């Protein structure tokens, strides 16, 4: 089957040419953390702030992806890996197009995050939305922890499915120690120099 595939990457406009057109660098801001840590809230806040400052962005949220391109995937280990693989491949395309791409995905294991980093390459920036599970469970904005504790949700990250703390994220945002506004300021200030031409 691969004998019939003829990529034309060498004929496409380069990432640098596209970045010059947008006056920004493409980057994938890969936000990882437990449910309830603040990923989606910070992702939407960051996208809005970047947009207000003239940056071209794309937000890929885990739940949004699972309602569309990944709607055929469940939460088994293999399906979680495929969920991240697809998200990483999509993110890479946006970043190569010069877009600042914000991905909000639990990404529970080091192996999954390593795979995403390898797919995306030098444009990968891992951001750990760092919040203890006890605090996430207290927030439980979606009611998911309560359902998982009652056995209504299986393979729930942090309860009956593991979450491995990132070993060396590019940015570590401790949302239990900072307000939403200060978390957003810290995140924005940490990535702004990475996306300016």
N, C-alpha and C. Protein backbone atom coordinates (compact mmCIF):
# COMPACT_ATOMS: atom_id res chain seq x y z
N UNK A 1 0.82 -1.20 0.00
CA UNK A 1 0.00 0.00 0.00
C UNK A 1 0.86 1.26 0.00
N UNK A 2 1.98 1.26 0.75
CA UNK A 2 2.84 2.44 0.79
C UNK A 2 3.51 2.71 -0.54
N UNK A 3 3.52 1.72 -1.44
CA UNK A 3 4.09 1.93 -2.77
C UNK A 3 3.28 2.93 -3.58
N UNK A 4 2.05 3.18 -3.15
CA UNK A 4 1.17 4.08 -3.90
C UNK A 4 1.03 5.45 -3.25
N UNK A 5 1.86 5.74 -2.25
CA UNK A 5 1.81 7.03 -1.55
C UNK A 5 3.02 7.86 -1.96
N UNK A 6 2.76 9.08 -2.43
CA UNK A 6 3.83 9.95 -2.93
C UNK A 6 3.71 11.33 -2.28
N UNK A 7 4.25 11.51 -1.06
CA UNK A 7 4.15 12.80 -0.38
C UNK A 7 4.79 13.93 -1.18
N UNK A 8 4.21 15.12 -1.06
CA UNK A 8 4.75 16.28 -1.78
C UNK A 8 5.25 17.35 -0.80
N UNK A 9 5.74 16.91 0.36
CA UNK A 9 6.22 17.86 1.36
C UNK A 9 7.28 18.79 0.79
N UNK A 10 8.13 18.27 -0.07
CA UNK A 10 9.23 19.07 -0.63
C UNK A 10 8.74 20.15 -1.58
N UNK A 11 7.50 20.06 -2.05
CA UNK A 11 6.95 21.04 -2.99
C UNK A 11 6.06 22.08 -2.30
N UNK A 12 5.71 21.81 -1.04
CA UNK A 12 4.84 22.73 -0.30
C UNK A 12 5.62 23.95 0.17
N UNK A 13 4.91 25.04 0.44
CA UNK A 13 5.54 26.19 1.06
C UNK A 13 6.16 25.77 2.39
N UNK A 14 7.29 26.33 2.72
CA UNK A 14 7.95 25.96 3.97
C UNK A 14 7.24 26.59 5.17
N UNK A 15 7.48 26.01 6.33
CA UNK A 15 6.92 26.56 7.56
C UNK A 15 7.41 27.99 7.76
N UNK A 16 8.67 28.26 7.46
CA UNK A 16 9.22 29.59 7.65
C UNK A 16 8.51 30.62 6.77
N UNK A 17 8.22 30.24 5.51
CA UNK A 17 7.50 31.15 4.61
C UNK A 17 6.11 31.47 5.17
N UNK A 18 5.45 30.48 5.72
CA UNK A 18 4.12 30.70 6.29
C UNK A 18 4.18 31.53 7.56
N UNK A 19 5.21 31.28 8.38
CA UNK A 19 5.39 32.06 9.60
C UNK A 19 5.64 33.53 9.27
N UNK A 20 6.42 33.79 8.24
CA UNK A 20 6.69 35.18 7.84
C UNK A 20 5.39 35.87 7.42
N UNK A 21 4.53 35.13 6.73
CA UNK A 21 3.25 35.69 6.30
C UNK A 21 2.35 36.06 7.47
N UNK A 22 2.45 35.30 8.55
CA UNK A 22 1.64 35.55 9.74
C UNK A 22 2.35 36.41 10.78
N UNK A 23 3.64 36.64 10.57
CA UNK A 23 4.48 37.39 11.51
C UNK A 23 4.47 36.77 12.91
N UNK A 24 4.60 35.45 12.95
CA UNK A 24 4.66 34.72 14.20
C UNK A 24 5.28 33.35 13.93
N UNK A 25 5.71 32.69 15.00
CA UNK A 25 6.23 31.33 14.88
C UNK A 25 5.13 30.34 15.25
N UNK A 26 5.05 29.26 14.47
CA UNK A 26 4.14 28.19 14.82
C UNK A 26 4.66 27.45 16.04
N UNK A 27 3.76 27.07 16.92
CA UNK A 27 4.14 26.36 18.14
C UNK A 27 2.96 25.52 18.60
N UNK A 28 3.25 24.35 19.16
CA UNK A 28 2.21 23.53 19.78
C UNK A 28 2.38 23.61 21.29
N UNK A 29 1.41 24.23 21.95
CA UNK A 29 1.41 24.35 23.41
C UNK A 29 0.59 23.17 23.93
N UNK A 30 1.28 22.12 24.36
CA UNK A 30 0.65 20.85 24.73
C UNK A 30 0.37 20.87 26.23
N UNK A 31 -0.87 21.18 26.60
CA UNK A 31 -1.24 21.35 28.01
C UNK A 31 -1.74 20.03 28.58
N UNK A 32 -1.04 19.52 29.59
CA UNK A 32 -1.38 18.23 30.19
C UNK A 32 -1.74 18.42 31.66
N UNK A 33 -2.56 17.52 32.17
CA UNK A 33 -2.93 17.58 33.57
C UNK A 33 -4.22 16.83 33.81
N UNK A 34 -4.53 16.63 35.07
CA UNK A 34 -5.74 15.91 35.45
C UNK A 34 -7.01 16.67 35.08
N UNK A 35 -8.10 15.95 34.97
CA UNK A 35 -9.41 16.58 34.83
C UNK A 35 -9.64 17.47 36.04
N UNK A 36 -10.04 18.72 35.79
CA UNK A 36 -10.27 19.65 36.89
C UNK A 36 -9.06 20.48 37.27
N UNK A 37 -7.93 20.26 36.59
CA UNK A 37 -6.72 21.01 36.93
C UNK A 37 -6.76 22.45 36.40
N UNK A 38 -7.59 22.68 35.38
CA UNK A 38 -7.69 24.02 34.80
C UNK A 38 -7.22 24.09 33.36
N UNK A 39 -7.00 22.94 32.72
CA UNK A 39 -6.48 22.94 31.34
C UNK A 39 -7.37 23.71 30.37
N UNK A 40 -8.65 23.34 30.31
CA UNK A 40 -9.55 23.96 29.34
C UNK A 40 -9.75 25.44 29.63
N UNK A 41 -9.87 25.79 30.91
CA UNK A 41 -10.05 27.19 31.29
C UNK A 41 -8.84 28.02 30.87
N UNK A 42 -7.65 27.52 31.15
CA UNK A 42 -6.44 28.25 30.77
C UNK A 42 -6.23 28.25 29.25
N UNK A 43 -6.59 27.15 28.60
CA UNK A 43 -6.44 27.07 27.14
C UNK A 43 -7.31 28.13 26.45
N UNK A 44 -8.56 28.24 26.88
CA UNK A 44 -9.44 29.24 26.26
C UNK A 44 -9.00 30.65 26.63
N UNK A 45 -8.55 30.83 27.86
CA UNK A 45 -8.05 32.14 28.27
C UNK A 45 -6.82 32.55 27.49
N UNK A 46 -5.91 31.59 27.29
CA UNK A 46 -4.69 31.87 26.53
C UNK A 46 -5.02 32.18 25.08
N UNK A 47 -5.92 31.41 24.49
CA UNK A 47 -6.28 31.67 23.09
C UNK A 47 -6.86 33.07 22.94
N UNK A 48 -7.75 33.46 23.85
CA UNK A 48 -8.34 34.79 23.78
C UNK A 48 -7.30 35.89 23.92
N UNK A 49 -6.36 35.72 24.85
CA UNK A 49 -5.34 36.75 25.04
C UNK A 49 -4.42 36.84 23.82
N UNK A 50 -4.03 35.70 23.28
CA UNK A 50 -3.19 35.71 22.09
C UNK A 50 -3.91 36.38 20.92
N UNK A 51 -5.19 36.06 20.75
CA UNK A 51 -5.98 36.66 19.68
C UNK A 51 -6.06 38.18 19.85
N UNK A 52 -6.28 38.62 21.08
CA UNK A 52 -6.36 40.06 21.34
C UNK A 52 -5.04 40.76 21.01
N UNK A 53 -3.94 40.01 21.06
CA UNK A 53 -2.63 40.59 20.78
C UNK A 53 -2.15 40.29 19.36
N UNK A 54 -3.09 39.87 18.50
CA UNK A 54 -2.79 39.75 17.08
C UNK A 54 -2.21 38.43 16.62
N UNK A 55 -2.25 37.41 17.46
CA UNK A 55 -1.71 36.10 17.06
C UNK A 55 -2.81 35.21 16.48
N UNK A 56 -2.42 34.44 15.49
CA UNK A 56 -3.33 33.48 14.84
C UNK A 56 -3.23 32.16 15.61
N UNK A 57 -4.37 31.67 16.11
CA UNK A 57 -4.36 30.51 17.00
C UNK A 57 -5.34 29.43 16.55
N UNK A 58 -5.15 28.24 17.13
CA UNK A 58 -6.11 27.14 17.00
C UNK A 58 -6.12 26.42 18.34
N UNK A 59 -7.32 26.16 18.86
CA UNK A 59 -7.47 25.44 20.12
C UNK A 59 -8.02 24.05 19.85
N UNK A 60 -7.29 23.04 20.31
CA UNK A 60 -7.73 21.65 20.19
C UNK A 60 -7.94 21.11 21.60
N UNK A 61 -9.18 20.98 21.99
CA UNK A 61 -9.53 20.49 23.32
C UNK A 61 -9.88 19.01 23.22
N UNK A 62 -9.50 18.24 24.23
CA UNK A 62 -9.73 16.80 24.21
C UNK A 62 -11.18 16.42 23.98
N UNK A 63 -12.11 17.09 24.70
CA UNK A 63 -13.53 16.77 24.54
C UNK A 63 -14.04 17.15 23.16
N UNK A 64 -13.56 18.28 22.63
CA UNK A 64 -13.96 18.68 21.27
C UNK A 64 -13.48 17.65 20.25
N UNK A 65 -12.23 17.20 20.39
CA UNK A 65 -11.71 16.20 19.46
C UNK A 65 -12.49 14.90 19.55
N UNK A 66 -12.87 14.52 20.77
CA UNK A 66 -13.60 13.27 20.95
C UNK A 66 -15.05 13.37 20.47
N UNK A 67 -15.53 14.57 20.21
CA UNK A 67 -16.87 14.72 19.65
C UNK A 67 -16.82 14.77 18.13
N UNK A 68 -15.61 14.77 17.57
CA UNK A 68 -15.46 14.86 16.12
C UNK A 68 -14.52 13.79 15.58
N UNK A 69 -13.29 14.20 15.27
CA UNK A 69 -12.35 13.30 14.61
C UNK A 69 -12.03 12.05 15.42
N UNK A 70 -12.13 12.14 16.74
CA UNK A 70 -11.84 10.98 17.59
C UNK A 70 -13.09 10.38 18.22
N UNK A 71 -14.23 10.61 17.60
CA UNK A 71 -15.50 10.15 18.18
C UNK A 71 -15.62 8.62 18.19
N UNK A 72 -14.79 7.95 17.41
CA UNK A 72 -14.84 6.47 17.37
C UNK A 72 -13.92 5.82 18.40
N UNK A 73 -13.28 6.63 19.27
CA UNK A 73 -12.34 6.09 20.23
C UNK A 73 -12.92 6.07 21.64
N UNK A 74 -12.59 5.02 22.38
CA UNK A 74 -12.96 4.92 23.79
C UNK A 74 -11.79 5.29 24.66
N UNK A 75 -11.67 4.65 25.83
CA UNK A 75 -10.65 5.03 26.79
C UNK A 75 -9.74 3.87 27.20
N UNK A 76 -9.68 2.84 26.36
CA UNK A 76 -8.72 1.77 26.61
C UNK A 76 -7.32 2.35 26.38
N UNK A 77 -6.30 1.63 26.80
CA UNK A 77 -4.93 2.13 26.62
C UNK A 77 -4.62 2.38 25.15
N UNK A 78 -4.96 1.42 24.29
CA UNK A 78 -4.69 1.58 22.85
C UNK A 78 -5.45 2.76 22.27
N UNK A 79 -6.69 2.95 22.71
CA UNK A 79 -7.49 4.06 22.17
C UNK A 79 -6.99 5.41 22.69
N UNK A 80 -6.49 5.45 23.91
CA UNK A 80 -5.90 6.69 24.42
C UNK A 80 -4.66 7.06 23.61
N UNK A 81 -3.86 6.05 23.28
CA UNK A 81 -2.66 6.29 22.47
C UNK A 81 -3.05 6.82 21.10
N UNK A 82 -4.05 6.22 20.48
CA UNK A 82 -4.49 6.67 19.16
C UNK A 82 -5.09 8.07 19.23
N UNK A 83 -5.80 8.37 20.30
CA UNK A 83 -6.35 9.71 20.51
C UNK A 83 -5.23 10.76 20.50
N UNK A 84 -4.17 10.49 21.22
CA UNK A 84 -3.04 11.42 21.29
C UNK A 84 -2.28 11.46 19.97
N UNK A 85 -2.12 10.32 19.33
CA UNK A 85 -1.41 10.28 18.03
C UNK A 85 -2.11 11.18 17.01
N UNK A 86 -3.41 11.05 16.93
CA UNK A 86 -4.17 11.88 15.98
C UNK A 86 -4.06 13.36 16.34
N UNK A 87 -4.22 13.67 17.62
CA UNK A 87 -4.13 15.06 18.06
C UNK A 87 -2.76 15.65 17.75
N UNK A 88 -1.72 14.86 17.96
CA UNK A 88 -0.35 15.33 17.69
C UNK A 88 -0.14 15.57 16.20
N UNK A 89 -0.63 14.67 15.36
CA UNK A 89 -0.47 14.84 13.91
C UNK A 89 -1.22 16.08 13.42
N UNK A 90 -2.42 16.30 13.94
CA UNK A 90 -3.19 17.50 13.56
C UNK A 90 -2.46 18.76 14.03
N UNK A 91 -1.99 18.73 15.27
CA UNK A 91 -1.28 19.88 15.84
C UNK A 91 -0.04 20.22 15.04
N UNK A 92 0.67 19.20 14.63
CA UNK A 92 1.89 19.40 13.84
C UNK A 92 1.56 20.14 12.54
N UNK A 93 0.47 19.75 11.88
CA UNK A 93 0.07 20.42 10.64
C UNK A 93 -0.23 21.89 10.87
N UNK A 94 -0.96 22.18 11.95
CA UNK A 94 -1.26 23.59 12.26
C UNK A 94 0.01 24.37 12.55
N UNK A 95 0.92 23.79 13.34
CA UNK A 95 2.15 24.49 13.70
C UNK A 95 3.01 24.75 12.47
N UNK A 96 3.06 23.78 11.56
CA UNK A 96 3.83 23.96 10.33
C UNK A 96 3.19 25.01 9.43
N UNK A 97 1.94 25.31 9.67
CA UNK A 97 1.24 26.36 8.94
C UNK A 97 1.42 27.73 9.61
N UNK A 98 2.23 27.76 10.68
CA UNK A 98 2.51 29.01 11.37
C UNK A 98 1.54 29.35 12.48
N UNK A 99 0.64 28.44 12.79
CA UNK A 99 -0.39 28.69 13.79
C UNK A 99 0.09 28.34 15.20
N UNK A 100 -0.26 29.18 16.16
CA UNK A 100 -0.03 28.85 17.57
C UNK A 100 -1.16 27.91 17.98
N UNK A 101 -0.82 26.66 18.22
CA UNK A 101 -1.81 25.61 18.45
C UNK A 101 -1.81 25.21 19.91
N UNK A 102 -2.95 25.38 20.56
CA UNK A 102 -3.08 25.08 21.98
C UNK A 102 -3.85 23.78 22.12
N UNK A 103 -3.20 22.77 22.70
CA UNK A 103 -3.82 21.46 22.88
C UNK A 103 -4.09 21.23 24.36
N UNK A 104 -5.32 20.95 24.69
CA UNK A 104 -5.70 20.69 26.07
C UNK A 104 -6.11 19.22 26.17
N UNK A 105 -5.16 18.39 26.61
CA UNK A 105 -5.36 16.94 26.64
C UNK A 105 -4.73 16.37 27.90
N UNK A 106 -5.41 15.47 28.57
CA UNK A 106 -4.88 14.90 29.82
C UNK A 106 -3.50 14.29 29.60
N UNK A 107 -3.31 13.54 28.51
CA UNK A 107 -2.01 12.94 28.17
C UNK A 107 -1.38 12.28 29.40
N UNK A 108 -1.96 11.19 29.89
CA UNK A 108 -1.65 10.71 31.24
C UNK A 108 -0.28 10.07 31.48
N UNK A 109 0.40 9.60 30.43
CA UNK A 109 1.66 8.88 30.69
C UNK A 109 2.84 9.53 29.98
N UNK A 110 4.03 9.25 30.50
CA UNK A 110 5.25 9.75 29.87
C UNK A 110 5.39 9.22 28.44
N UNK A 111 5.03 7.95 28.22
CA UNK A 111 5.14 7.38 26.88
C UNK A 111 4.24 8.08 25.88
N UNK A 112 3.02 8.41 26.31
CA UNK A 112 2.09 9.12 25.43
C UNK A 112 2.64 10.51 25.10
N UNK A 113 3.14 11.20 26.11
CA UNK A 113 3.68 12.54 25.89
C UNK A 113 4.95 12.50 25.03
N UNK A 114 5.76 11.47 25.23
CA UNK A 114 6.96 11.30 24.40
C UNK A 114 6.58 11.08 22.95
N UNK A 115 5.55 10.28 22.71
CA UNK A 115 5.09 10.05 21.34
C UNK A 115 4.64 11.36 20.70
N UNK A 116 3.85 12.16 21.43
CA UNK A 116 3.40 13.45 20.91
C UNK A 116 4.58 14.35 20.59
N UNK A 117 5.55 14.39 21.49
CA UNK A 117 6.73 15.24 21.28
C UNK A 117 7.52 14.80 20.05
N UNK A 118 7.63 13.49 19.85
CA UNK A 118 8.37 12.98 18.70
C UNK A 118 7.64 13.29 17.39
N UNK A 119 6.33 13.21 17.40
CA UNK A 119 5.55 13.52 16.19
C UNK A 119 5.68 15.00 15.85
N UNK A 120 5.53 15.86 16.85
CA UNK A 120 5.50 17.31 16.62
C UNK A 120 6.90 17.87 16.41
N UNK A 121 7.88 17.32 17.09
CA UNK A 121 9.25 17.78 16.90
C UNK A 121 9.56 19.06 17.65
N UNK A 122 10.38 19.91 17.05
CA UNK A 122 10.90 21.09 17.74
C UNK A 122 9.83 22.12 18.10
N UNK A 123 8.66 22.00 17.54
CA UNK A 123 7.58 22.95 17.83
C UNK A 123 6.72 22.52 19.03
N UNK A 124 7.14 21.47 19.72
CA UNK A 124 6.40 20.95 20.88
C UNK A 124 6.83 21.68 22.14
N UNK A 125 5.86 22.21 22.88
CA UNK A 125 6.12 22.88 24.16
C UNK A 125 5.15 22.30 25.18
N UNK A 126 5.69 21.50 26.11
CA UNK A 126 4.84 20.82 27.09
C UNK A 126 4.58 21.72 28.29
N UNK A 127 3.31 21.89 28.61
CA UNK A 127 2.89 22.71 29.74
C UNK A 127 2.13 21.82 30.72
N UNK A 128 2.65 21.68 31.93
CA UNK A 128 1.99 20.88 32.96
C UNK A 128 1.07 21.79 33.76
N UNK A 129 -0.24 21.55 33.65
CA UNK A 129 -1.20 22.26 34.49
C UNK A 129 -1.27 21.45 35.77
N UNK A 130 -0.50 21.89 36.73
CA UNK A 130 -0.13 21.13 37.92
C UNK A 130 -1.09 21.42 39.07
N UNK A 131 -1.89 20.42 39.39
CA UNK A 131 -2.85 20.58 40.48
C UNK A 131 -3.06 19.23 41.14
N UNK A 132 -2.93 19.13 42.47
CA UNK A 132 -3.11 17.85 43.14
C UNK A 132 -4.51 17.27 42.90
N UNK A 133 -4.57 15.95 42.84
CA UNK A 133 -5.86 15.30 42.57
C UNK A 133 -6.91 15.67 43.61
N UNK A 134 -6.49 15.88 44.85
CA UNK A 134 -7.45 16.23 45.90
C UNK A 134 -8.18 17.54 45.57
N UNK A 135 -7.42 18.51 45.04
CA UNK A 135 -8.01 19.79 44.66
C UNK A 135 -8.88 19.63 43.42
N UNK A 136 -8.39 18.87 42.45
CA UNK A 136 -9.18 18.61 41.24
C UNK A 136 -10.51 17.96 41.59
N UNK A 137 -10.44 17.02 42.53
CA UNK A 137 -11.65 16.31 42.92
C UNK A 137 -12.61 17.22 43.69
N UNK A 138 -12.08 18.14 44.45
CA UNK A 138 -12.93 19.12 45.15
C UNK A 138 -13.66 20.01 44.14
N UNK A 139 -12.94 20.40 43.09
CA UNK A 139 -13.55 21.25 42.06
C UNK A 139 -14.61 20.46 41.30
N UNK A 140 -14.21 19.32 40.77
CA UNK A 140 -15.08 18.38 40.04
C UNK A 140 -16.17 19.11 39.25
N UNK A 141 -15.74 20.06 38.43
CA UNK A 141 -16.69 20.92 37.72
C UNK A 141 -17.63 20.14 36.78
N UNK A 142 -17.17 18.99 36.30
CA UNK A 142 -18.00 18.19 35.38
C UNK A 142 -18.70 17.02 36.09
N UNK A 143 -18.41 16.86 37.39
CA UNK A 143 -19.03 15.76 38.13
C UNK A 143 -18.46 14.40 37.79
N UNK A 144 -17.28 14.39 37.17
CA UNK A 144 -16.71 13.13 36.68
C UNK A 144 -16.07 12.30 37.79
N UNK A 145 -15.40 12.97 38.73
CA UNK A 145 -14.77 12.21 39.82
C UNK A 145 -15.82 11.48 40.65
N UNK A 146 -16.93 12.16 40.91
CA UNK A 146 -18.00 11.53 41.69
C UNK A 146 -18.53 10.29 40.97
N UNK A 147 -18.70 10.39 39.67
CA UNK A 147 -19.17 9.24 38.89
C UNK A 147 -18.14 8.12 38.91
N UNK A 148 -16.86 8.49 38.77
CA UNK A 148 -15.79 7.48 38.79
C UNK A 148 -15.72 6.78 40.14
N UNK A 149 -15.88 7.53 41.22
CA UNK A 149 -15.86 6.95 42.57
C UNK A 149 -17.03 5.98 42.78
N UNK A 150 -18.15 6.27 42.10
CA UNK A 150 -19.32 5.38 42.20
C UNK A 150 -19.24 4.21 41.23
N UNK A 151 -18.17 4.16 40.43
CA UNK A 151 -18.00 3.08 39.47
C UNK A 151 -18.78 3.27 38.18
N UNK A 152 -19.30 4.47 37.96
CA UNK A 152 -20.09 4.74 36.76
C UNK A 152 -19.21 5.05 35.55
N UNK A 153 -17.97 5.44 35.80
CA UNK A 153 -17.00 5.69 34.73
C UNK A 153 -15.80 4.80 35.00
N UNK A 154 -15.42 4.00 34.03
CA UNK A 154 -14.25 3.12 34.15
C UNK A 154 -13.04 3.78 33.49
N UNK A 155 -11.85 3.37 33.92
CA UNK A 155 -10.58 3.87 33.35
C UNK A 155 -10.48 5.40 33.46
N UNK A 156 -10.91 5.94 34.59
CA UNK A 156 -10.86 7.39 34.78
C UNK A 156 -9.49 7.78 35.33
N UNK A 157 -8.83 8.69 34.65
CA UNK A 157 -7.46 9.08 35.01
C UNK A 157 -7.40 9.65 36.42
N UNK A 158 -6.49 9.08 37.20
CA UNK A 158 -6.30 9.51 38.58
C UNK A 158 -7.06 8.66 39.57
N UNK A 159 -8.08 7.93 39.12
CA UNK A 159 -8.87 7.07 40.00
C UNK A 159 -8.51 5.61 39.74
N UNK A 160 -8.89 5.08 38.59
CA UNK A 160 -8.54 3.68 38.28
C UNK A 160 -7.69 3.56 37.01
N UNK A 161 -7.15 4.69 36.58
CA UNK A 161 -6.21 4.72 35.46
C UNK A 161 -5.10 5.70 35.85
N UNK A 162 -3.84 5.37 35.58
CA UNK A 162 -2.75 6.18 36.13
C UNK A 162 -2.57 7.54 35.46
N UNK A 163 -2.04 8.49 36.22
CA UNK A 163 -1.53 9.74 35.68
C UNK A 163 -0.10 9.89 36.18
N UNK A 164 0.84 9.94 35.24
CA UNK A 164 2.25 10.08 35.59
C UNK A 164 2.63 11.56 35.52
N UNK A 165 3.18 12.07 36.62
CA UNK A 165 3.60 13.47 36.68
C UNK A 165 4.69 13.71 35.63
N UNK A 166 4.54 14.74 34.78
CA UNK A 166 5.59 15.03 33.79
C UNK A 166 6.94 15.26 34.47
N UNK A 167 7.98 14.67 33.89
CA UNK A 167 9.32 14.76 34.49
C UNK A 167 10.00 16.08 34.20
N UNK A 168 9.83 16.59 33.00
CA UNK A 168 10.53 17.84 32.65
C UNK A 168 9.71 18.68 31.68
N UNK A 169 8.56 19.19 32.14
CA UNK A 169 7.76 20.04 31.25
C UNK A 169 8.49 21.35 30.96
N UNK A 170 8.19 21.95 29.83
CA UNK A 170 8.78 23.25 29.51
C UNK A 170 8.27 24.32 30.46
N UNK A 171 6.99 24.20 30.86
CA UNK A 171 6.35 25.18 31.73
C UNK A 171 5.51 24.42 32.76
N UNK A 172 5.57 24.83 34.00
CA UNK A 172 4.83 24.19 35.09
C UNK A 172 3.94 25.26 35.74
N UNK A 173 2.62 25.11 35.57
CA UNK A 173 1.67 26.09 36.10
C UNK A 173 0.94 25.46 37.28
N UNK A 174 1.22 25.93 38.48
CA UNK A 174 0.62 25.37 39.70
C UNK A 174 -0.71 26.09 39.98
N UNK A 175 -1.79 25.54 39.42
CA UNK A 175 -3.07 26.25 39.50
C UNK A 175 -3.70 26.23 40.89
N UNK A 176 -3.22 25.37 41.77
CA UNK A 176 -3.75 25.39 43.14
C UNK A 176 -3.07 26.45 43.99
N UNK A 177 -1.98 27.03 43.48
CA UNK A 177 -1.24 28.04 44.24
C UNK A 177 -1.43 29.45 43.66
N UNK A 178 -2.04 29.55 42.48
CA UNK A 178 -2.20 30.85 41.82
C UNK A 178 -3.66 31.07 41.45
N UNK A 179 -4.05 32.32 41.35
CA UNK A 179 -5.38 32.64 40.85
C UNK A 179 -5.42 32.32 39.36
N UNK A 180 -6.62 32.30 38.80
CA UNK A 180 -6.76 32.09 37.36
C UNK A 180 -6.01 33.16 36.59
N UNK A 181 -6.16 34.41 37.01
CA UNK A 181 -5.52 35.51 36.29
C UNK A 181 -4.00 35.42 36.36
N UNK A 182 -3.46 35.09 37.53
CA UNK A 182 -2.00 34.99 37.66
C UNK A 182 -1.48 33.76 36.92
N UNK A 183 -2.25 32.69 36.89
CA UNK A 183 -1.87 31.49 36.12
C UNK A 183 -1.80 31.83 34.63
N UNK A 184 -2.80 32.56 34.17
CA UNK A 184 -2.85 32.95 32.76
C UNK A 184 -1.71 33.91 32.41
N UNK A 185 -1.44 34.86 33.29
CA UNK A 185 -0.31 35.78 33.08
C UNK A 185 1.00 35.01 32.97
N UNK A 186 1.20 34.09 33.89
CA UNK A 186 2.43 33.30 33.91
C UNK A 186 2.57 32.48 32.63
N UNK A 187 1.49 31.84 32.21
CA UNK A 187 1.52 31.03 31.00
C UNK A 187 1.79 31.90 29.77
N UNK A 188 1.08 32.99 29.65
CA UNK A 188 1.26 33.89 28.50
C UNK A 188 2.69 34.41 28.44
N UNK A 189 3.21 34.89 29.57
CA UNK A 189 4.57 35.43 29.60
C UNK A 189 5.63 34.37 29.34
N UNK A 190 5.31 33.11 29.63
CA UNK A 190 6.25 32.01 29.41
C UNK A 190 6.34 31.59 27.96
N UNK A 191 5.29 31.86 27.18
CA UNK A 191 5.32 31.40 25.78
C UNK A 191 5.49 32.54 24.76
N UNK A 192 5.31 33.77 25.18
CA UNK A 192 5.27 34.86 24.21
C UNK A 192 6.56 34.98 23.38
N UNK A 193 7.71 34.80 24.02
CA UNK A 193 8.97 34.89 23.27
C UNK A 193 9.18 33.72 22.34
N UNK A 194 8.48 32.60 22.57
CA UNK A 194 8.60 31.43 21.72
C UNK A 194 7.84 31.59 20.40
N UNK A 195 6.91 32.55 20.35
CA UNK A 195 6.07 32.67 19.16
C UNK A 195 6.30 33.97 18.38
N UNK A 196 7.12 34.86 18.94
CA UNK A 196 7.42 36.09 18.22
C UNK A 196 8.51 35.83 17.18
N UNK A 197 8.34 36.40 15.99
CA UNK A 197 9.39 36.29 14.98
C UNK A 197 10.54 37.22 15.32
